[in-house]
Amino acid sequence: MSRNDLSSTSRTNWAALESMSEENIDYSDIPPLTDEFFERATLRIPAGQAHNLVQLDPDVKQWFQSQGEQYKTLINDVLRQYIENKKTQPQA
């Protein structure tokens, strides 16, 4: 997405869209999602995001989240401190 995409004005009539109910939306031209579709489907993560994926144990994530809204920053700070400590320790 370019900066121009973010700065352009939307021509969507948001008030009209928000006033619509589920019954007013025509889904007839959308094909049904079959079991075959889901069997063949693959998850694609943009490269910019994929390199930042880290698998955390649920209890570890819960503990960091319980520390406050900035838990992702806290995780990063803890990892950075670990790296710095490793740099100052003699190699075994």
N, C-alpha and C. Protein backbone atom coordinates (compact mmCIF):
# COMPACT_ATOMS: atom_id res chain seq x y z
N MET A 1 0.85 -1.17 0.00
CA MET A 1 0.00 0.00 0.00
C MET A 1 0.90 1.23 0.00
N SER A 2 0.62 2.14 -0.86
CA SER A 2 1.44 3.34 -0.95
C SER A 2 0.86 4.45 -0.08
N ARG A 3 1.65 5.48 0.14
CA ARG A 3 1.20 6.64 0.92
C ARG A 3 -0.01 7.28 0.25
N ASN A 4 -0.05 7.28 -1.10
CA ASN A 4 -1.19 7.86 -1.82
C ASN A 4 -2.48 7.12 -1.50
N ASP A 5 -2.38 5.79 -1.32
CA ASP A 5 -3.56 5.02 -0.98
C ASP A 5 -4.14 5.46 0.36
N LEU A 6 -3.28 5.83 1.29
CA LEU A 6 -3.72 6.20 2.62
C LEU A 6 -4.28 7.61 2.69
N SER A 7 -3.85 8.46 1.76
CA SER A 7 -4.28 9.86 1.85
C SER A 7 -5.47 10.18 0.94
N SER A 8 -5.89 9.25 0.09
CA SER A 8 -7.02 9.53 -0.78
C SER A 8 -8.33 9.49 0.01
N THR A 9 -9.28 10.28 -0.40
CA THR A 9 -10.57 10.37 0.27
C THR A 9 -11.49 9.27 -0.23
N SER A 10 -12.11 8.59 0.69
CA SER A 10 -13.03 7.52 0.34
C SER A 10 -14.31 8.10 -0.23
N ARG A 11 -14.83 7.46 -1.26
CA ARG A 11 -16.11 7.89 -1.84
C ARG A 11 -17.25 7.01 -1.34
N THR A 12 -16.96 6.18 -0.34
CA THR A 12 -17.98 5.30 0.22
C THR A 12 -18.95 6.11 1.06
N ASN A 13 -20.23 5.85 0.89
CA ASN A 13 -21.26 6.48 1.71
C ASN A 13 -21.38 5.65 2.99
N TRP A 14 -20.55 5.98 3.99
CA TRP A 14 -20.48 5.20 5.21
C TRP A 14 -21.80 5.22 5.98
N ALA A 15 -22.50 6.33 5.98
CA ALA A 15 -23.77 6.42 6.70
C ALA A 15 -24.78 5.43 6.12
N ALA A 16 -24.85 5.38 4.79
CA ALA A 16 -25.77 4.44 4.15
C ALA A 16 -25.36 3.00 4.42
N LEU A 17 -24.07 2.74 4.39
CA LEU A 17 -23.57 1.39 4.62
C LEU A 17 -23.86 0.94 6.05
N GLU A 18 -23.64 1.83 7.01
CA GLU A 18 -23.88 1.49 8.40
C GLU A 18 -25.36 1.30 8.71
N SER A 19 -26.22 1.94 7.95
CA SER A 19 -27.66 1.82 8.21
C SER A 19 -28.25 0.54 7.61
N MET A 20 -27.48 -0.15 6.77
CA MET A 20 -27.98 -1.39 6.15
C MET A 20 -28.03 -2.51 7.18
N SER A 21 -29.01 -3.37 7.03
CA SER A 21 -29.08 -4.54 7.89
C SER A 21 -28.64 -5.75 7.08
N GLU A 22 -28.37 -6.85 7.76
CA GLU A 22 -27.92 -8.08 7.10
C GLU A 22 -28.91 -8.54 6.02
N GLU A 23 -30.19 -8.32 6.27
CA GLU A 23 -31.21 -8.78 5.31
C GLU A 23 -31.11 -8.04 3.98
N ASN A 24 -30.56 -6.84 3.96
CA ASN A 24 -30.49 -6.03 2.74
C ASN A 24 -29.29 -6.35 1.86
N ILE A 25 -28.41 -7.22 2.33
CA ILE A 25 -27.20 -7.52 1.56
C ILE A 25 -27.45 -8.73 0.68
N ASP A 26 -27.18 -8.58 -0.61
CA ASP A 26 -27.40 -9.66 -1.57
C ASP A 26 -26.13 -10.50 -1.71
N TYR A 27 -26.18 -11.72 -1.19
CA TYR A 27 -25.05 -12.63 -1.26
C TYR A 27 -25.19 -13.64 -2.40
N SER A 28 -26.19 -13.50 -3.24
CA SER A 28 -26.51 -14.52 -4.23
C SER A 28 -25.40 -14.77 -5.25
N ASP A 29 -24.54 -13.78 -5.50
CA ASP A 29 -23.49 -13.97 -6.50
C ASP A 29 -22.19 -14.53 -5.91
N ILE A 30 -22.19 -14.83 -4.62
CA ILE A 30 -21.01 -15.39 -3.97
C ILE A 30 -21.14 -16.91 -3.95
N PRO A 31 -20.19 -17.63 -4.55
CA PRO A 31 -20.31 -19.09 -4.55
C PRO A 31 -20.13 -19.64 -3.14
N PRO A 32 -20.74 -20.78 -2.86
CA PRO A 32 -20.60 -21.36 -1.52
C PRO A 32 -19.17 -21.85 -1.30
N LEU A 33 -18.71 -21.78 -0.05
CA LEU A 33 -17.38 -22.27 0.29
C LEU A 33 -17.52 -23.74 0.68
N THR A 34 -17.00 -24.59 -0.18
CA THR A 34 -17.13 -26.03 0.02
C THR A 34 -15.95 -26.58 0.82
N ASP A 35 -16.07 -27.85 1.21
CA ASP A 35 -14.96 -28.52 1.90
C ASP A 35 -13.72 -28.55 1.00
N GLU A 36 -13.93 -28.71 -0.30
CA GLU A 36 -12.81 -28.73 -1.25
C GLU A 36 -12.06 -27.40 -1.22
N PHE A 37 -12.79 -26.30 -1.14
CA PHE A 37 -12.16 -24.99 -1.06
C PHE A 37 -11.21 -24.92 0.14
N PHE A 38 -11.70 -25.35 1.31
CA PHE A 38 -10.89 -25.27 2.53
C PHE A 38 -9.74 -26.26 2.52
N GLU A 39 -9.91 -27.40 1.84
CA GLU A 39 -8.81 -28.37 1.72
C GLU A 39 -7.68 -27.81 0.88
N ARG A 40 -8.01 -27.02 -0.12
CA ARG A 40 -7.00 -26.47 -1.02
C ARG A 40 -6.48 -25.10 -0.58
N ALA A 41 -7.15 -24.48 0.37
CA ALA A 41 -6.77 -23.13 0.81
C ALA A 41 -5.42 -23.15 1.52
N THR A 42 -4.65 -22.09 1.31
CA THR A 42 -3.37 -21.95 2.00
C THR A 42 -3.31 -20.57 2.65
N LEU A 43 -2.65 -20.51 3.78
CA LEU A 43 -2.46 -19.25 4.48
C LEU A 43 -1.26 -18.55 3.87
N ARG A 44 -1.44 -17.33 3.45
CA ARG A 44 -0.35 -16.54 2.89
C ARG A 44 -0.16 -15.29 3.74
N ILE A 45 1.02 -15.16 4.29
CA ILE A 45 1.35 -14.03 5.15
C ILE A 45 2.31 -13.14 4.38
N PRO A 46 2.02 -11.84 4.28
CA PRO A 46 2.95 -10.95 3.57
C PRO A 46 4.35 -11.05 4.17
N ALA A 47 5.35 -11.02 3.30
CA ALA A 47 6.74 -11.21 3.73
C ALA A 47 7.13 -10.25 4.84
N GLY A 48 6.64 -9.03 4.79
CA GLY A 48 6.97 -8.05 5.82
C GLY A 48 6.49 -8.45 7.20
N GLN A 49 5.45 -9.22 7.26
CA GLN A 49 4.92 -9.67 8.55
C GLN A 49 5.48 -11.02 8.95
N ALA A 50 5.76 -11.87 7.99
CA ALA A 50 6.16 -13.24 8.27
C ALA A 50 7.44 -13.31 9.09
N HIS A 51 8.37 -12.41 8.86
CA HIS A 51 9.63 -12.48 9.59
C HIS A 51 9.47 -12.07 11.05
N ASN A 52 8.33 -11.54 11.44
CA ASN A 52 8.11 -11.13 12.82
C ASN A 52 7.26 -12.12 13.62
N LEU A 53 6.96 -13.26 13.05
CA LEU A 53 6.13 -14.23 13.76
C LEU A 53 6.98 -15.01 14.76
N VAL A 54 6.54 -15.07 16.00
CA VAL A 54 7.22 -15.82 17.05
C VAL A 54 6.17 -16.65 17.77
N GLN A 55 6.46 -17.92 17.95
CA GLN A 55 5.54 -18.81 18.66
C GLN A 55 5.81 -18.71 20.15
N LEU A 56 4.82 -18.25 20.91
CA LEU A 56 4.95 -18.15 22.37
C LEU A 56 4.03 -19.17 23.02
N ASP A 57 4.49 -19.75 24.12
CA ASP A 57 3.60 -20.62 24.89
C ASP A 57 2.47 -19.75 25.45
N PRO A 58 1.25 -20.31 25.52
CA PRO A 58 0.10 -19.51 25.97
C PRO A 58 0.32 -18.85 27.33
N ASP A 59 0.95 -19.56 28.28
CA ASP A 59 1.15 -18.98 29.60
C ASP A 59 2.14 -17.82 29.57
N VAL A 60 3.14 -17.91 28.70
CA VAL A 60 4.12 -16.83 28.56
C VAL A 60 3.43 -15.59 27.99
N LYS A 61 2.64 -15.79 26.94
CA LYS A 61 1.93 -14.66 26.34
C LYS A 61 0.96 -14.04 27.35
N GLN A 62 0.26 -14.87 28.10
CA GLN A 62 -0.69 -14.36 29.10
C GLN A 62 0.03 -13.50 30.14
N TRP A 63 1.20 -13.96 30.60
CA TRP A 63 1.93 -13.19 31.61
C TRP A 63 2.32 -11.83 31.07
N PHE A 64 2.87 -11.79 29.86
CA PHE A 64 3.27 -10.51 29.28
C PHE A 64 2.05 -9.61 29.08
N GLN A 65 0.95 -10.17 28.61
CA GLN A 65 -0.27 -9.37 28.41
C GLN A 65 -0.77 -8.80 29.74
N SER A 66 -0.58 -9.55 30.82
CA SER A 66 -1.05 -9.07 32.13
C SER A 66 -0.22 -7.91 32.64
N GLN A 67 0.93 -7.63 32.00
CA GLN A 67 1.79 -6.53 32.42
C GLN A 67 1.34 -5.19 31.86
N GLY A 68 0.40 -5.21 30.93
CA GLY A 68 -0.13 -3.95 30.41
C GLY A 68 -0.24 -3.94 28.90
N GLU A 69 -0.78 -2.83 28.38
CA GLU A 69 -1.04 -2.69 26.95
C GLU A 69 0.21 -2.80 26.08
N GLN A 70 1.32 -2.36 26.61
CA GLN A 70 2.56 -2.34 25.83
C GLN A 70 3.34 -3.65 25.96
N TYR A 71 2.61 -4.79 26.07
CA TYR A 71 3.29 -6.05 26.32
C TYR A 71 4.22 -6.47 25.18
N LYS A 72 3.91 -6.08 23.95
CA LYS A 72 4.79 -6.42 22.83
C LYS A 72 6.12 -5.68 22.94
N THR A 73 6.05 -4.44 23.38
CA THR A 73 7.27 -3.67 23.60
C THR A 73 8.07 -4.30 24.74
N LEU A 74 7.39 -4.75 25.76
CA LEU A 74 8.05 -5.40 26.89
C LEU A 74 8.76 -6.68 26.44
N ILE A 75 8.10 -7.48 25.62
CA ILE A 75 8.73 -8.70 25.09
C ILE A 75 10.00 -8.34 24.34
N ASN A 76 9.92 -7.32 23.49
CA ASN A 76 11.08 -6.88 22.73
C ASN A 76 12.20 -6.41 23.66
N ASP A 77 11.85 -5.65 24.70
CA ASP A 77 12.85 -5.16 25.65
C ASP A 77 13.54 -6.31 26.38
N VAL A 78 12.75 -7.30 26.80
CA VAL A 78 13.32 -8.46 27.50
C VAL A 78 14.28 -9.22 26.58
N LEU A 79 13.89 -9.42 25.34
CA LEU A 79 14.77 -10.11 24.39
C LEU A 79 16.04 -9.31 24.12
N ARG A 80 15.91 -8.00 23.99
CA ARG A 80 17.08 -7.15 23.76
C ARG A 80 18.03 -7.22 24.96
N GLN A 81 17.49 -7.19 26.18
CA GLN A 81 18.31 -7.28 27.38
C GLN A 81 19.03 -8.63 27.42
N TYR A 82 18.36 -9.68 27.04
CA TYR A 82 18.98 -11.01 26.99
C TYR A 82 20.16 -11.01 26.03
N ILE A 83 19.97 -10.41 24.86
CA ILE A 83 21.06 -10.33 23.87
C ILE A 83 22.24 -9.56 24.45
N GLU A 84 21.96 -8.43 25.06
CA GLU A 84 23.04 -7.62 25.64
C GLU A 84 23.79 -8.37 26.72
N ASN A 85 23.06 -9.10 27.56
CA ASN A 85 23.70 -9.89 28.61
C ASN A 85 24.58 -10.99 28.01
N LYS A 86 24.12 -11.61 26.95
CA LYS A 86 24.90 -12.67 26.28
C LYS A 86 26.18 -12.12 25.67
N LYS A 87 26.14 -10.88 25.20
CA LYS A 87 27.32 -10.27 24.59
C LYS A 87 28.43 -10.07 25.62
N THR A 88 28.06 -9.80 26.86
CA THR A 88 29.06 -9.52 27.90
C THR A 88 29.56 -10.77 28.60
N GLN A 89 28.91 -11.91 28.40
CA GLN A 89 29.34 -13.16 29.02
C GLN A 89 30.41 -13.83 28.18
N PRO A 90 31.42 -14.41 28.82
CA PRO A 90 32.43 -15.14 28.05
C PRO A 90 31.82 -16.38 27.38
N GLN A 91 32.27 -16.65 26.18
CA GLN A 91 31.77 -17.81 25.45
C GLN A 91 32.29 -19.09 26.09
N ALA A 92 31.41 -20.08 26.26
CA ALA A 92 31.80 -21.36 26.88
C ALA A 92 32.27 -22.35 25.84
